[in-house]
Amino acid sequence: MSTQQKIIDTAISVLNENFSATFEDIAVRCGINRRTLHRYFKNRQELLEACHKNMMEAWELSAINACNRSTDPLIQLEYLLYAGIDSGTKYAFLIKLNDDIKSSSIPYESEQSAAYFKTRNQLFGAIRDLQKEQVIDDRFPLPWIRILFTSVITATITAFRSGDIAQNEVKKLAWLSFSRSIGIPLNR
């Protein structure tokens, strides 16, 4: 593993625990000095952008793999939810970082971004079809479903981190909550 990747991985870990951690905190945890860290990243913003890119690439790949595991859109949606939960527990501060990055107008795109957006758009197109077939309640507009999807992931991550809910149950509860919230019958 390159020093730069080691710094990124360490920064992700440190910032997951404490988003206000300093360059010094990251350097110490990485086993390097601050000067070495500055050789790779000029400032915190540049390091955050590298972390964001790394986490988004991992998320995109995870999402593509989740959707490719089945051709049934409901199963794809369930697997995508699980992938979001897995990524979220690994990268808890990604949502905050995404908000910060969006507000600073820094574009993000990876080699797999086109495949990710194609997969995501196909899945959300399938949701519209499922609404027409009345498998999913058509009273919920697609933007609402997307926001609900993200919110369930966030709530699941919070529950997971609290330790109050059994680790092996948290994903099942997330899917049950999400699927019932958009009108998918229990027997599906």
C-alpha atoms as a PDB file:
ATOM      1  CA  MET A   1       0.000   0.000   0.000  1.00  0.00           C
ATOM      2  CA  SER A   2       1.332   3.419  -0.906  1.00  0.00           C
ATOM      3  CA  THR A   3       1.984   6.038   1.764  1.00  0.00           C
ATOM      4  CA  GLN A   4      -0.682   8.234   0.232  1.00  0.00           C
ATOM      5  CA  GLN A   5      -3.290   5.449   0.448  1.00  0.00           C
ATOM      6  CA  LYS A   6      -2.206   4.673   4.021  1.00  0.00           C
ATOM      7  CA  ILE A   7      -2.775   8.339   4.905  1.00  0.00           C
ATOM      8  CA  ILE A   8      -6.218   8.312   3.270  1.00  0.00           C
ATOM      9  CA  ASP A   9      -7.249   5.092   5.038  1.00  0.00           C
ATOM     10  CA  THR A  10      -6.005   6.424   8.369  1.00  0.00           C
ATOM     11  CA  ALA A  11      -7.709   9.778   7.830  1.00  0.00           C
ATOM     12  CA  ILE A  12     -11.005   8.036   7.080  1.00  0.00           C
ATOM     13  CA  SER A  13     -10.706   6.029  10.291  1.00  0.00           C
ATOM     14  CA  VAL A  14      -9.721   9.027  12.414  1.00  0.00           C
ATOM     15  CA  LEU A  15     -12.347  11.336  10.906  1.00  0.00           C
ATOM     16  CA  ASN A  16     -15.027   8.678  11.374  1.00  0.00           C
ATOM     17  CA  GLU A  17     -14.296   8.857  15.091  1.00  0.00           C
ATOM     18  CA  ASN A  18     -13.812  12.621  15.272  1.00  0.00           C
ATOM     19  CA  PHE A  19     -14.610  14.792  12.252  1.00  0.00           C
ATOM     20  CA  SER A  20     -12.746  17.735  13.781  1.00  0.00           C
ATOM     21  CA  ALA A  21      -9.481  15.778  14.103  1.00  0.00           C
ATOM     22  CA  THR A  22      -6.404  17.752  13.086  1.00  0.00           C
ATOM     23  CA  PHE A  23      -3.642  16.998  10.602  1.00  0.00           C
ATOM     24  CA  GLU A  24      -1.474  16.263  13.620  1.00  0.00           C
ATOM     25  CA  ASP A  25      -3.985  13.694  14.933  1.00  0.00           C
ATOM     26  CA  ILE A  26      -4.042  11.958  11.558  1.00  0.00           C
ATOM     27  CA  ALA A  27      -0.256  12.008  11.184  1.00  0.00           C
ATOM     28  CA  VAL A  28       0.282  10.529  14.665  1.00  0.00           C
ATOM     29  CA  ARG A  29      -2.236   7.735  14.042  1.00  0.00           C
ATOM     30  CA  CYS A  30      -0.627   7.055  10.676  1.00  0.00           C
ATOM     31  CA  GLY A  31       2.822   6.791  12.230  1.00  0.00           C
ATOM     32  CA  ILE A  32       4.277   9.679  10.256  1.00  0.00           C
ATOM     33  CA  ASN A  33       5.060  13.277  11.052  1.00  0.00           C
ATOM     34  CA  ARG A  34       2.951  16.225  10.005  1.00  0.00           C
ATOM     35  CA  ARG A  35       5.566  17.325   7.493  1.00  0.00           C
ATOM     36  CA  THR A  36       5.299  14.017   5.649  1.00  0.00           C
ATOM     37  CA  LEU A  37       1.530  14.353   5.610  1.00  0.00           C
ATOM     38  CA  HIS A  38       1.915  17.815   4.040  1.00  0.00           C
ATOM     39  CA  ARG A  39       4.068  16.337   1.273  1.00  0.00           C
ATOM     40  CA  TYR A  40       1.035  14.407   0.104  1.00  0.00           C
ATOM     41  CA  PHE A  41      -1.765  16.823   0.997  1.00  0.00           C
ATOM     42  CA  LYS A  42      -1.358  20.604   1.126  1.00  0.00           C
ATOM     43  CA  ASN A  43      -4.200  21.107   3.590  1.00  0.00           C
ATOM     44  CA  ARG A  44      -7.174  19.513   5.297  1.00  0.00           C
ATOM     45  CA  GLN A  45      -9.505  20.308   2.404  1.00  0.00           C
ATOM     46  CA  GLU A  46      -7.287  18.467  -0.061  1.00  0.00           C
ATOM     47  CA  LEU A  47      -7.130  15.454   2.276  1.00  0.00           C
ATOM     48  CA  LEU A  48     -10.918  15.527   2.747  1.00  0.00           C
ATOM     49  CA  GLU A  49     -11.371  15.556  -1.027  1.00  0.00           C
ATOM     50  CA  ALA A  50      -9.083  12.511  -1.353  1.00  0.00           C
ATOM     51  CA  CYS A  51     -11.043  10.729   1.410  1.00  0.00           C
ATOM     52  CA  HIS A  52     -14.306  11.626  -0.296  1.00  0.00           C
ATOM     53  CA  LYS A  53     -13.111  10.293  -3.636  1.00  0.00           C
ATOM     54  CA  ASN A  54     -11.886   7.065  -2.024  1.00  0.00           C
ATOM     55  CA  MET A  55     -15.146   6.495  -0.144  1.00  0.00           C
ATOM     56  CA  MET A  56     -17.326   7.339  -3.151  1.00  0.00           C
ATOM     57  CA  GLU A  57     -15.390   4.922  -5.348  1.00  0.00           C
ATOM     58  CA  ALA A  58     -15.906   2.208  -2.726  1.00  0.00           C
ATOM     59  CA  TRP A  59     -19.628   3.062  -2.453  1.00  0.00           C
ATOM     60  CA  GLU A  60     -20.160   3.078  -6.216  1.00  0.00           C
ATOM     61  CA  LEU A  61     -18.492  -0.304  -6.600  1.00  0.00           C
ATOM     62  CA  SER A  62     -20.496  -1.703  -3.692  1.00  0.00           C
ATOM     63  CA  ALA A  63     -23.755  -0.358  -5.154  1.00  0.00           C
ATOM     64  CA  ILE A  64     -23.022  -1.764  -8.615  1.00  0.00           C
ATOM     65  CA  ASN A  65     -22.189  -5.161  -7.126  1.00  0.00           C
ATOM     66  CA  ALA A  66     -25.346  -5.119  -4.992  1.00  0.00           C
ATOM     67  CA  CYS A  67     -27.570  -4.389  -7.972  1.00  0.00           C
ATOM     68  CA  ASN A  68     -25.818  -6.971 -10.141  1.00  0.00           C
ATOM     69  CA  ARG A  69     -26.639  -9.761  -7.658  1.00  0.00           C
ATOM     70  CA  SER A  70     -30.220 -10.023  -8.911  1.00  0.00           C
ATOM     71  CA  THR A  71     -32.445  -8.997 -11.795  1.00  0.00           C
ATOM     72  CA  ASP A  72     -35.472  -8.522  -9.519  1.00  0.00           C
ATOM     73  CA  PRO A  73     -35.713  -4.786  -8.757  1.00  0.00           C
ATOM     74  CA  LEU A  74     -37.094  -5.359  -5.248  1.00  0.00           C
ATOM     75  CA  ILE A  75     -34.181  -7.612  -4.375  1.00  0.00           C
ATOM     76  CA  GLN A  76     -31.794  -5.117  -5.969  1.00  0.00           C
ATOM     77  CA  LEU A  77     -33.305  -2.372  -3.829  1.00  0.00           C
ATOM     78  CA  GLU A  78     -32.919  -4.502  -0.712  1.00  0.00           C
ATOM     79  CA  TYR A  79     -29.292  -5.334  -1.548  1.00  0.00           C
ATOM     80  CA  LEU A  80     -28.612  -1.683  -2.314  1.00  0.00           C
ATOM     81  CA  LEU A  81     -29.988  -0.738   1.101  1.00  0.00           C
ATOM     82  CA  TYR A  82     -27.683  -3.297   2.732  1.00  0.00           C
ATOM     83  CA  ALA A  83     -24.727  -1.983   0.722  1.00  0.00           C
ATOM     84  CA  GLY A  84     -25.566   1.530   1.894  1.00  0.00           C
ATOM     85  CA  ILE A  85     -25.668   0.353   5.488  1.00  0.00           C
ATOM     86  CA  ASP A  86     -22.348  -1.467   5.138  1.00  0.00           C
ATOM     87  CA  SER A  87     -20.744   1.568   3.518  1.00  0.00           C
ATOM     88  CA  GLY A  88     -22.327   3.880   6.058  1.00  0.00           C
ATOM     89  CA  THR A  89     -21.025   1.990   9.052  1.00  0.00           C
ATOM     90  CA  LYS A  90     -17.598   2.025   7.455  1.00  0.00           C
ATOM     91  CA  TYR A  91     -17.831   5.646   6.315  1.00  0.00           C
ATOM     92  CA  ALA A  92     -20.165   7.288   8.811  1.00  0.00           C
ATOM     93  CA  PHE A  93     -19.070  10.805   7.977  1.00  0.00           C
ATOM     94  CA  LEU A  94     -19.597  10.408   4.209  1.00  0.00           C
ATOM     95  CA  ILE A  95     -23.022  12.074   4.283  1.00  0.00           C
ATOM     96  CA  LYS A  96     -21.611  15.107   6.103  1.00  0.00           C
ATOM     97  CA  LEU A  97     -18.643  15.171   3.766  1.00  0.00           C
ATOM     98  CA  ASN A  98     -20.947  14.913   0.754  1.00  0.00           C
ATOM     99  CA  ASP A  99     -22.862  17.950   1.995  1.00  0.00           C
ATOM    100  CA  ASP A 100     -19.601  19.871   2.483  1.00  0.00           C
ATOM    101  CA  ILE A 101     -18.242  18.843  -0.920  1.00  0.00           C
ATOM    102  CA  LYS A 102     -21.513  19.712  -2.725  1.00  0.00           C
ATOM    103  CA  SER A 103     -21.588  23.136  -1.131  1.00  0.00           C
ATOM    104  CA  SER A 104     -18.045  23.824  -2.315  1.00  0.00           C
ATOM    105  CA  SER A 105     -18.885  22.815  -5.922  1.00  0.00           C
ATOM    106  CA  ILE A 106     -16.075  20.290  -6.205  1.00  0.00           C
ATOM    107  CA  PRO A 107     -17.084  17.793  -8.868  1.00  0.00           C
ATOM    108  CA  TYR A 108     -16.642  14.108  -8.156  1.00  0.00           C
ATOM    109  CA  GLU A 109     -16.343  11.468 -10.807  1.00  0.00           C
ATOM    110  CA  SER A 110     -14.554   8.155 -10.897  1.00  0.00           C
ATOM    111  CA  GLU A 111     -13.935   5.610 -13.615  1.00  0.00           C
ATOM    112  CA  GLN A 112     -17.046   3.714 -12.537  1.00  0.00           C
ATOM    113  CA  SER A 113     -19.316   6.735 -12.001  1.00  0.00           C
ATOM    114  CA  ALA A 114     -21.043   6.281 -15.355  1.00  0.00           C
ATOM    115  CA  ALA A 115     -21.781   2.621 -14.585  1.00  0.00           C
ATOM    116  CA  TYR A 116     -22.981   3.564 -11.104  1.00  0.00           C
ATOM    117  CA  PHE A 117     -25.361   6.263 -12.381  1.00  0.00           C
ATOM    118  CA  LYS A 118     -26.648   3.939 -15.097  1.00  0.00           C
ATOM    119  CA  THR A 119     -27.327   1.199 -12.532  1.00  0.00           C
ATOM    120  CA  ARG A 120     -28.920   3.638 -10.092  1.00  0.00           C
ATOM    121  CA  ASN A 121     -31.108   5.205 -12.772  1.00  0.00           C
ATOM    122  CA  GLN A 122     -32.232   1.771 -14.005  1.00  0.00           C
ATOM    123  CA  LEU A 123     -33.163   0.777 -10.471  1.00  0.00           C
ATOM    124  CA  PHE A 124     -35.106   3.960  -9.795  1.00  0.00           C
ATOM    125  CA  GLY A 125     -36.764   3.561 -13.211  1.00  0.00           C
ATOM    126  CA  ALA A 126     -37.795   0.079 -12.083  1.00  0.00           C
ATOM    127  CA  ILE A 127     -39.284   1.627  -8.943  1.00  0.00           C
ATOM    128  CA  ARG A 128     -41.526   3.767 -11.154  1.00  0.00           C
ATOM    129  CA  ASP A 129     -42.550   0.597 -13.026  1.00  0.00           C
ATOM    130  CA  LEU A 130     -43.286  -1.143  -9.713  1.00  0.00           C
ATOM    131  CA  GLN A 131     -45.445   1.816  -8.752  1.00  0.00           C
ATOM    132  CA  LYS A 132     -47.394   1.424 -12.000  1.00  0.00           C
ATOM    133  CA  GLU A 133     -47.832  -2.272 -11.164  1.00  0.00           C
ATOM    134  CA  GLN A 134     -48.943  -1.213  -7.640  1.00  0.00           C
ATOM    135  CA  VAL A 135     -46.188  -3.236  -5.955  1.00  0.00           C
ATOM    136  CA  ILE A 136     -44.903   0.043  -4.499  1.00  0.00           C
ATOM    137  CA  ASP A 137     -47.385   2.689  -3.401  1.00  0.00           C
ATOM    138  CA  ASP A 138     -47.626   5.274  -6.173  1.00  0.00           C
ATOM    139  CA  ARG A 139     -48.554   8.069  -3.773  1.00  0.00           C
ATOM    140  CA  PHE A 140     -44.855   8.461  -2.944  1.00  0.00           C
ATOM    141  CA  PRO A 141     -42.880  10.496  -5.472  1.00  0.00           C
ATOM    142  CA  LEU A 142     -39.450   9.156  -6.404  1.00  0.00           C
ATOM    143  CA  PRO A 143     -37.555  12.011  -4.692  1.00  0.00           C
ATOM    144  CA  TRP A 144     -39.368  11.108  -1.449  1.00  0.00           C
ATOM    145  CA  ILE A 145     -38.373   7.460  -1.838  1.00  0.00           C
ATOM    146  CA  ARG A 146     -34.722   8.443  -2.404  1.00  0.00           C
ATOM    147  CA  ILE A 147     -34.701  10.657   0.705  1.00  0.00           C
ATOM    148  CA  LEU A 148     -36.434   7.967   2.749  1.00  0.00           C
ATOM    149  CA  PHE A 149     -33.890   5.401   1.510  1.00  0.00           C
ATOM    150  CA  THR A 150     -30.983   7.573   2.675  1.00  0.00           C
ATOM    151  CA  SER A 151     -32.718   8.364   5.968  1.00  0.00           C
ATOM    152  CA  VAL A 152     -33.263   4.677   6.736  1.00  0.00           C
ATOM    153  CA  ILE A 153     -29.564   4.058   6.109  1.00  0.00           C
ATOM    154  CA  THR A 154     -28.650   6.928   8.444  1.00  0.00           C
ATOM    155  CA  ALA A 155     -31.024   5.698  11.148  1.00  0.00           C
ATOM    156  CA  THR A 156     -29.659   2.172  10.792  1.00  0.00           C
ATOM    157  CA  ILE A 157     -26.078   3.382  11.170  1.00  0.00           C
ATOM    158  CA  THR A 158     -27.079   5.286  14.309  1.00  0.00           C
ATOM    159  CA  ALA A 159     -28.825   2.220  15.724  1.00  0.00           C
ATOM    160  CA  PHE A 160     -25.866   0.028  14.822  1.00  0.00           C
ATOM    161  CA  ARG A 161     -23.414   2.345  16.550  1.00  0.00           C
ATOM    162  CA  SER A 162     -25.582   2.676  19.654  1.00  0.00           C
ATOM    163  CA  GLY A 163     -25.285  -1.033  20.335  1.00  0.00           C
ATOM    164  CA  ASP A 164     -28.908  -1.121  21.477  1.00  0.00           C
ATOM    165  CA  ILE A 165     -30.019  -3.313  18.575  1.00  0.00           C
ATOM    166  CA  ALA A 166     -28.533  -6.704  17.771  1.00  0.00           C
ATOM    167  CA  GLN A 167     -26.044  -6.387  14.945  1.00  0.00           C
ATOM    168  CA  ASN A 168     -27.547  -9.290  13.021  1.00  0.00           C
ATOM    169  CA  GLU A 169     -31.038  -7.733  13.207  1.00  0.00           C
ATOM    170  CA  VAL A 170     -30.287  -4.156  12.182  1.00  0.00           C
ATOM    171  CA  LYS A 171     -30.329  -4.771   8.410  1.00  0.00           C
ATOM    172  CA  LYS A 172     -33.543  -6.784   8.575  1.00  0.00           C
ATOM    173  CA  LEU A 173     -35.175  -3.990  10.571  1.00  0.00           C
ATOM    174  CA  ALA A 174     -33.949  -1.427   8.036  1.00  0.00           C
ATOM    175  CA  TRP A 175     -35.410  -3.327   5.099  1.00  0.00           C
ATOM    176  CA  LEU A 176     -38.681  -3.946   6.936  1.00  0.00           C
ATOM    177  CA  SER A 177     -38.936  -0.244   7.822  1.00  0.00           C
ATOM    178  CA  PHE A 178     -38.105   0.962   4.321  1.00  0.00           C
ATOM    179  CA  SER A 179     -40.141  -1.579   2.372  1.00  0.00           C
ATOM    180  CA  ARG A 180     -43.240  -1.093   4.522  1.00  0.00           C
ATOM    181  CA  SER A 181     -42.814   2.694   4.340  1.00  0.00           C
ATOM    182  CA  ILE A 182     -43.179   2.615   0.545  1.00  0.00           C
ATOM    183  CA  GLY A 183     -46.057   0.136   0.619  1.00  0.00           C
ATOM    184  CA  ILE A 184     -44.366  -3.133  -0.274  1.00  0.00           C
ATOM    185  CA  PRO A 185     -46.493  -5.944   1.167  1.00  0.00           C
ATOM    186  CA  LEU A 186     -44.902  -8.211   3.780  1.00  0.00           C
ATOM    187  CA  ASN A 187     -45.303 -11.303   1.619  1.00  0.00           C
ATOM    188  CA  ARG A 188     -42.994  -9.976  -1.123  1.00  0.00           C
END
